[in-house]
Amino acid sequence: MEERSINTLKLEEQKNKPSKKGIFLVVAISIIFILVFLFFLKTGFTFSKIVTIKNIAWEKIFGELPPSEYLPLKDEDRINFLLLGIRGVNDKNGGLLTDSIMIVSFKKSTKQIALISIPRDLYVQMPGESFFEKINAAYALGLKKYQNGLDYTKKTIGYVTGIYIDHAAVVDFEGFRKMVDALGGVTIYLDKPFVEDKQWWCDENGENCRPFVIKAGKQTLDGETALLYIRSRFSSSDFDRIRRQQQVLLAIKDKVLSLGVLANPVKINELFNIIADHIETDVKPWEIPGLITLANNVDTEHIIKQVFDTSPEGLLQESIKDGIYILVPRDGNFDSIRKTCQQIFD
């Protein structure tokens, strides 16, 4: 059973298509970070292909978002980039609901990077509204009500994490698959085989599924295999899926930096054609120089990873609301989550 407000969002999706197609994959957006900012440094590629007029001056066109009860202050020593993914505007089963949500946070003074993953089932009051929703509905709601899903989601994530979100981007599954293939695949290491036997290639009743298996040890995944690996969750959990997404994200980073991709004009052109067709972002052209400087100096070898979950030491707990599975803060508010995000580099 679906919550009524989420069902309403699904019915409205075709009326509120974003300026660029998206479906998510947090990993694909990480490629954007790795490639986009470093690529500008070497080639001067025009950013206009993936930045729309609506993103640049949307407040003047569509008006301001409603005030929030909690608006985090900007930390001048940090840049926080929100990475989103949606199933796709043509997917009738919640195509604009974000399946994955990740913040890539950079500390300028120490050149550190942190990956902070937010589970999609987290239950939160939507900014400017009286009702609560799963946090994965923020992008769709922002498109429906304010014609800007990115900014509304930034506001929602800022409220939950207590950190100011500077930029955001959304990408689709197809873009991720093409990009991994363009890189020649990505390499991961598994201590034990990975098996998902409840989710893929099932019959019309969702039964008799064929198992998806990746053997233990060092494995190189093509785009389709990597996509299935980071989408699988029925035989494990959404938290494990988030950790696999972070694993593949870092594998992509390693592949990009090890192959000399940035020095290959043909490969760069191929990758950026894919990026241009499959992402939406609110980064403005005049913000590029500062991001270039940041990307060229960050420490990519020591990355802090944070996943909020329901483990004994975790900050979340499971609950049911109107028959729907949700996650809520264990201490009844977002104070502990905000403290963790704010002090992640301490």
Protein backbone atom coordinates (compact mmCIF):
# COMPACT_ATOMS: atom_id res chain seq x y z
CA MET A 1 0.00 0.00 0.00
CA GLU A 2 1.32 3.45 -0.90
CA GLU A 3 0.82 6.68 1.00
CA ARG A 4 -1.76 8.89 -0.66
CA SER A 5 0.56 11.87 -1.09
CA ILE A 6 3.22 9.70 -2.72
CA ASN A 7 0.61 8.26 -5.09
CA THR A 8 -0.40 11.77 -6.02
CA LEU A 9 3.21 12.62 -6.82
CA LYS A 10 3.47 9.58 -9.05
CA LEU A 11 0.38 10.60 -11.04
CA GLU A 12 1.80 14.08 -11.53
CA GLU A 13 5.24 12.96 -12.74
CA GLN A 14 4.56 13.18 -16.45
CA LYS A 15 3.36 16.78 -16.01
CA ASN A 16 6.53 17.82 -14.24
CA LYS A 17 9.46 16.50 -16.23
CA PRO A 18 12.89 17.87 -15.31
CA SER A 19 14.99 19.66 -17.90
CA LYS A 20 17.30 16.65 -18.22
CA LYS A 21 16.40 13.01 -17.90
CA GLY A 22 17.32 11.39 -14.64
CA ILE A 23 16.95 8.11 -12.81
CA PHE A 24 19.54 7.89 -10.20
CA LEU A 25 22.61 6.35 -9.47
CA VAL A 26 24.73 7.94 -6.88
CA VAL A 27 27.75 6.36 -8.43
CA ALA A 28 27.15 8.01 -11.76
CA ILE A 29 27.01 11.42 -10.18
CA SER A 30 30.29 10.77 -8.49
CA ILE A 31 31.73 10.36 -11.96
CA ILE A 32 30.41 13.81 -12.66
CA PHE A 33 32.38 15.14 -9.71
CA ILE A 34 35.57 13.31 -10.65
CA LEU A 35 35.39 14.09 -14.34
CA VAL A 36 33.55 17.37 -14.57
CA PHE A 37 35.69 19.51 -12.31
CA LEU A 38 39.03 18.03 -13.31
CA PHE A 39 38.02 18.10 -16.96
CA PHE A 40 37.35 21.83 -16.86
CA LEU A 41 40.88 22.32 -15.60
CA LYS A 42 42.34 20.58 -18.66
CA THR A 43 39.97 21.38 -21.50
CA GLY A 44 37.68 24.31 -20.74
CA PHE A 45 34.60 22.28 -21.74
CA THR A 46 31.47 24.45 -21.82
CA PHE A 47 29.16 23.84 -18.88
CA SER A 48 26.15 25.24 -20.68
CA LYS A 49 25.11 21.80 -21.95
CA ILE A 50 24.10 20.62 -18.49
CA VAL A 51 23.10 23.85 -16.76
CA THR A 52 19.71 25.27 -17.67
CA ILE A 53 18.42 28.82 -17.41
CA LYS A 54 15.85 27.53 -14.93
CA ASN A 55 18.65 26.32 -12.65
CA ILE A 56 20.63 29.57 -12.90
CA ALA A 57 17.86 32.06 -12.13
CA TRP A 58 14.93 29.97 -11.03
CA GLU A 59 14.02 32.18 -8.06
CA LYS A 60 13.42 35.14 -10.35
CA ILE A 61 11.28 32.99 -12.62
CA PHE A 62 9.39 30.78 -10.19
CA GLY A 63 9.63 32.61 -6.86
CA GLU A 64 11.30 31.66 -3.60
CA LEU A 65 10.82 28.39 -1.78
CA PRO A 66 8.81 28.50 1.46
CA PRO A 67 10.75 29.20 4.65
CA SER A 68 11.96 26.21 6.66
CA GLU A 69 11.88 25.87 10.43
CA TYR A 70 15.58 25.03 10.28
CA LEU A 71 18.02 26.58 7.85
CA PRO A 72 21.66 25.58 8.37
CA LEU A 73 24.34 28.23 8.08
CA LYS A 74 26.96 27.90 5.38
CA ASP A 75 30.37 26.72 6.60
CA GLU A 76 32.91 28.65 4.53
CA ASP A 77 35.45 25.85 5.03
CA ARG A 78 33.19 23.24 3.39
CA ILE A 79 31.56 22.58 0.03
CA ASN A 80 28.65 20.13 0.13
CA PHE A 81 27.50 18.55 -3.15
CA LEU A 82 24.21 16.62 -3.11
CA LEU A 83 24.08 13.64 -5.48
CA LEU A 84 20.62 12.34 -6.39
CA GLY A 85 19.19 9.63 -8.61
CA ILE A 86 15.70 8.93 -9.84
CA ARG A 87 14.28 5.94 -11.65
CA GLY A 88 13.29 8.05 -14.64
CA VAL A 89 10.57 10.36 -15.88
CA ASN A 90 9.05 7.59 -17.99
CA ASP A 91 8.91 5.07 -15.16
CA LYS A 92 5.31 4.79 -13.95
CA ASN A 93 6.35 3.26 -10.62
CA GLY A 94 7.59 6.36 -8.87
CA GLY A 95 10.00 7.50 -11.54
CA LEU A 96 10.77 10.83 -9.86
CA LEU A 97 11.28 9.41 -6.38
CA THR A 98 14.98 9.46 -5.52
CA ASP A 99 16.23 5.92 -4.96
CA SER A 100 19.56 7.10 -3.60
CA ILE A 101 20.77 10.23 -1.85
CA MET A 102 24.41 11.02 -1.12
CA ILE A 103 26.35 14.10 -0.05
CA VAL A 104 29.95 14.53 -1.14
CA SER A 105 31.44 16.95 1.37
CA PHE A 106 34.82 18.68 1.01
CA LYS A 107 36.78 20.45 3.72
CA LYS A 108 38.93 23.11 2.11
CA SER A 109 41.50 23.60 4.86
CA THR A 110 42.40 19.90 5.17
CA LYS A 111 41.54 18.77 1.61
CA GLN A 112 39.40 15.96 3.06
CA ILE A 113 36.38 14.30 1.42
CA ALA A 114 33.44 12.60 3.13
CA LEU A 115 30.60 10.57 1.62
CA ILE A 116 27.36 10.83 3.59
CA SER A 117 24.49 8.57 2.49
CA ILE A 118 20.89 9.28 3.50
CA PRO A 119 18.43 6.34 3.34
CA ARG A 120 15.46 6.97 1.08
CA ASP A 121 12.91 5.73 3.66
CA LEU A 122 13.74 8.43 6.23
CA TYR A 123 10.47 10.06 7.32
CA VAL A 124 10.58 13.86 7.47
CA GLN A 125 8.32 16.89 7.40
CA MET A 126 8.58 18.51 4.00
CA PRO A 127 9.82 22.15 4.06
CA GLY A 128 6.96 24.62 4.05
CA GLU A 129 4.36 21.86 4.49
CA SER A 130 2.38 20.41 7.37
CA PHE A 131 2.65 16.81 6.18
CA PHE A 132 5.43 14.23 6.46
CA GLU A 133 6.85 12.12 3.65
CA LYS A 134 9.67 9.73 2.98
CA ILE A 135 12.63 11.86 2.06
CA ASN A 136 12.80 10.31 -1.41
CA ALA A 137 9.63 12.24 -2.33
CA ALA A 138 11.29 15.67 -1.98
CA TYR A 139 12.55 15.89 -5.57
CA ALA A 140 9.15 14.99 -7.04
CA LEU A 141 7.36 17.40 -4.69
CA GLY A 142 9.74 20.20 -5.58
CA LEU A 143 9.08 19.67 -9.28
CA LYS A 144 5.33 19.53 -8.79
CA LYS A 145 4.95 22.59 -6.58
CA TYR A 146 7.93 24.81 -7.38
CA GLN A 147 9.18 23.54 -10.75
CA ASN A 148 12.58 22.92 -9.15
CA GLY A 149 13.27 19.51 -7.66
CA LEU A 150 16.96 20.11 -7.01
CA ASP A 151 16.58 23.19 -4.85
CA TYR A 152 13.69 21.80 -2.85
CA THR A 153 15.66 18.62 -2.15
CA LYS A 154 18.69 20.67 -1.10
CA LYS A 155 16.48 22.43 1.41
CA THR A 156 15.07 19.14 2.72
CA ILE A 157 18.50 17.52 3.07
CA GLY A 158 19.88 20.63 4.73
CA TYR A 159 17.07 20.46 7.30
CA VAL A 160 17.84 16.79 8.11
CA THR A 161 21.66 16.97 8.14
CA GLY A 162 22.21 20.43 9.56
CA ILE A 163 24.71 21.28 6.83
CA TYR A 164 24.31 23.81 4.05
CA ILE A 165 24.00 22.16 0.62
CA ASP A 166 25.88 24.21 -1.97
CA HIS A 167 25.16 22.27 -5.15
CA ALA A 168 23.11 19.32 -6.39
CA ALA A 169 22.90 17.02 -9.39
CA VAL A 170 20.68 14.16 -10.56
CA VAL A 171 21.58 11.40 -13.03
CA ASP A 172 19.88 8.34 -14.59
CA PHE A 173 20.58 4.61 -14.75
CA GLU A 174 21.23 4.66 -18.47
CA GLY A 175 23.89 7.33 -18.09
CA PHE A 176 25.60 5.30 -15.39
CA ARG A 177 25.62 2.13 -17.48
CA LYS A 178 27.03 3.92 -20.52
CA MET A 179 29.66 5.68 -18.47
CA VAL A 180 30.97 2.52 -16.81
CA ASP A 181 31.18 0.85 -20.21
CA ALA A 182 32.99 3.88 -21.63
CA LEU A 183 35.57 3.45 -18.85
CA GLY A 184 36.05 -0.19 -19.76
CA GLY A 185 34.30 -1.39 -16.60
CA VAL A 186 35.14 -0.93 -12.91
CA THR A 187 37.05 -3.28 -10.62
CA ILE A 188 35.93 -4.28 -7.13
CA TYR A 189 37.03 -6.90 -4.61
CA LEU A 190 34.59 -9.17 -2.74
CA ASP A 191 35.50 -11.22 0.32
CA LYS A 192 32.64 -13.60 -0.52
CA PRO A 193 30.30 -14.13 -3.47
CA PHE A 194 27.43 -11.67 -3.89
CA VAL A 195 24.08 -13.30 -4.63
CA GLU A 196 20.74 -11.60 -5.30
CA ASP A 197 18.14 -14.31 -5.97
CA LYS A 198 14.91 -12.46 -5.19
CA GLN A 199 14.92 -9.40 -7.43
CA TRP A 200 15.93 -9.97 -11.06
CA TRP A 201 14.45 -11.83 -14.05
CA CYS A 202 11.37 -12.93 -12.11
CA ASP A 203 8.05 -14.18 -13.53
CA GLU A 204 4.91 -12.04 -13.70
CA ASN A 205 4.13 -12.87 -10.07
CA GLY A 206 7.57 -11.75 -8.90
CA GLU A 207 8.60 -15.35 -8.23
CA ASN A 208 11.03 -17.90 -9.67
CA CYS A 209 13.71 -15.22 -10.07
CA ARG A 210 17.03 -16.11 -11.66
CA PRO A 211 19.98 -15.46 -9.34
CA PHE A 212 22.36 -12.61 -10.03
CA VAL A 213 25.83 -13.68 -8.88
CA ILE A 214 29.25 -12.03 -8.66
CA LYS A 215 32.05 -14.36 -7.61
CA ALA A 216 34.40 -13.63 -4.71
CA GLY A 217 37.74 -12.01 -5.34
CA LYS A 218 38.81 -9.30 -7.76
CA GLN A 219 36.12 -8.70 -10.37
CA THR A 220 35.72 -6.23 -13.22
CA LEU A 221 32.09 -5.23 -13.81
CA ASP A 222 30.65 -3.87 -17.04
CA GLY A 223 27.95 -1.22 -16.97
CA GLU A 224 24.97 -3.56 -16.77
CA THR A 225 26.54 -5.77 -14.10
CA ALA A 226 27.60 -2.77 -12.02
CA LEU A 227 24.07 -1.37 -12.31
CA LEU A 228 22.50 -4.60 -11.04
CA TYR A 229 25.08 -4.81 -8.24
CA ILE A 230 24.27 -1.39 -6.82
CA ARG A 231 20.52 -1.73 -7.31
CA SER A 232 20.19 -5.14 -5.61
CA ARG A 233 18.61 -5.05 -2.18
CA PHE A 234 15.91 -7.73 -1.80
CA SER A 235 18.28 -10.40 -0.51
CA SER A 236 20.22 -7.95 1.67
CA SER A 237 19.00 -4.47 2.64
CA ASP A 238 18.87 -0.89 1.50
CA PHE A 239 21.78 -0.11 3.84
CA ASP A 240 23.95 -2.77 2.21
CA ARG A 241 23.01 -1.37 -1.17
CA ILE A 242 24.16 2.08 -0.06
CA ARG A 243 27.52 0.62 0.97
CA ARG A 244 27.84 -1.10 -2.43
CA GLN A 245 27.12 2.22 -4.11
CA GLN A 246 29.94 3.83 -2.17
CA GLN A 247 32.21 0.90 -3.07
CA VAL A 248 31.53 1.30 -6.80
CA LEU A 249 31.83 5.07 -6.56
CA LEU A 250 35.37 4.70 -5.26
CA ALA A 251 36.13 2.05 -7.90
CA ILE A 252 35.08 4.52 -10.59
CA LYS A 253 37.34 7.14 -9.06
CA ASP A 254 40.25 4.70 -9.15
CA LYS A 255 39.54 3.78 -12.77
CA VAL A 256 39.33 7.38 -13.91
CA LEU A 257 42.59 8.37 -12.25
CA SER A 258 44.51 5.22 -13.22
CA LEU A 259 43.65 5.19 -16.91
CA GLY A 260 44.81 8.68 -17.75
CA VAL A 261 41.27 9.46 -18.89
CA LEU A 262 41.76 13.17 -18.42
CA ALA A 263 44.59 13.18 -20.95
CA ASN A 264 42.54 11.35 -23.61
CA PRO A 265 40.47 13.84 -25.68
CA VAL A 266 38.46 11.09 -27.40
CA LYS A 267 37.50 9.45 -24.11
CA ILE A 268 36.74 12.81 -22.52
CA ASN A 269 34.42 13.72 -25.39
CA GLU A 270 32.62 10.38 -25.11
CA LEU A 271 32.14 10.71 -21.37
CA PHE A 272 30.92 14.27 -21.52
CA ASN A 273 28.43 13.51 -24.24
CA ILE A 274 27.00 10.90 -21.88
CA ILE A 275 27.03 13.32 -18.95
CA ALA A 276 25.32 16.06 -20.96
CA ASP A 277 22.48 13.73 -21.92
CA HIS A 278 21.86 12.24 -18.50
CA ILE A 279 22.29 14.80 -15.74
CA GLU A 280 20.71 17.95 -14.37
CA THR A 281 22.67 20.24 -12.06
CA ASP A 282 22.40 23.69 -10.53
CA VAL A 283 26.12 24.51 -10.65
CA LYS A 284 26.49 27.89 -12.32
CA PRO A 285 29.22 28.68 -14.87
CA TRP A 286 30.80 31.38 -12.70
CA GLU A 287 31.17 28.86 -9.84
CA ILE A 288 33.35 26.58 -11.93
CA PRO A 289 36.78 28.16 -11.16
CA GLY A 290 36.43 27.62 -7.43
CA LEU A 291 35.30 24.03 -7.90
CA ILE A 292 38.20 23.39 -10.25
CA THR A 293 40.68 24.58 -7.63
CA LEU A 294 39.01 22.43 -4.99
CA ALA A 295 38.90 19.29 -7.14
CA ASN A 296 42.53 19.65 -8.12
CA ASN A 297 43.72 19.60 -4.50
CA VAL A 298 41.46 17.21 -2.56
CA ASP A 299 42.78 14.04 -0.92
CA THR A 300 41.03 11.20 -2.78
CA GLU A 301 43.01 8.48 -1.03
CA HIS A 302 41.49 8.91 2.44
CA ILE A 303 37.73 9.25 2.11
CA ILE A 304 35.43 9.27 5.15
CA LYS A 305 32.25 7.20 4.68
CA GLN A 306 29.03 7.59 6.69
CA VAL A 307 25.87 5.49 6.31
CA PHE A 308 22.93 6.13 8.64
CA ASP A 309 21.30 2.80 9.50
CA THR A 310 19.41 0.78 12.11
CA SER A 311 22.38 -1.16 13.51
CA PRO A 312 22.79 -1.23 17.33
CA GLU A 313 25.11 1.77 17.11
CA GLY A 314 23.07 3.40 14.35
CA LEU A 315 20.96 6.54 14.69
CA LEU A 316 17.78 5.24 13.02
CA GLN A 317 15.03 2.80 13.85
CA GLU A 318 12.34 1.11 11.79
CA SER A 319 8.66 2.00 12.11
CA ILE A 320 5.33 1.63 10.30
CA LYS A 321 3.15 4.59 9.34
CA ASP A 322 -0.27 3.87 7.78
CA GLY A 323 1.02 0.46 6.75
CA ILE A 324 4.15 1.91 5.13
CA TYR A 325 7.71 1.05 6.18
CA ILE A 326 9.64 4.14 7.31
CA LEU A 327 12.81 5.07 9.16
CA VAL A 328 12.82 7.59 12.01
CA PRO A 329 15.58 9.01 14.24
CA ARG A 330 16.20 6.81 17.24
CA ASP A 331 16.28 9.79 19.63
CA GLY A 332 13.09 11.35 18.24
CA ASN A 333 14.72 14.26 16.39
CA PHE A 334 17.53 14.98 13.95
CA ASP A 335 19.99 16.38 16.49
CA SER A 336 22.32 13.37 16.46
CA ILE A 337 22.28 13.12 12.66
CA ARG A 338 23.02 16.83 12.37
CA LYS A 339 25.87 16.59 14.86
CA THR A 340 27.38 13.64 12.96
CA CYS A 341 27.23 15.50 9.64
CA GLN A 342 28.48 18.78 11.06
CA GLN A 343 31.42 17.16 12.87
CA ILE A 344 32.30 14.47 10.34
CA PHE A 345 35.80 15.91 9.76
CA ASP A 346 36.59 16.35 13.48
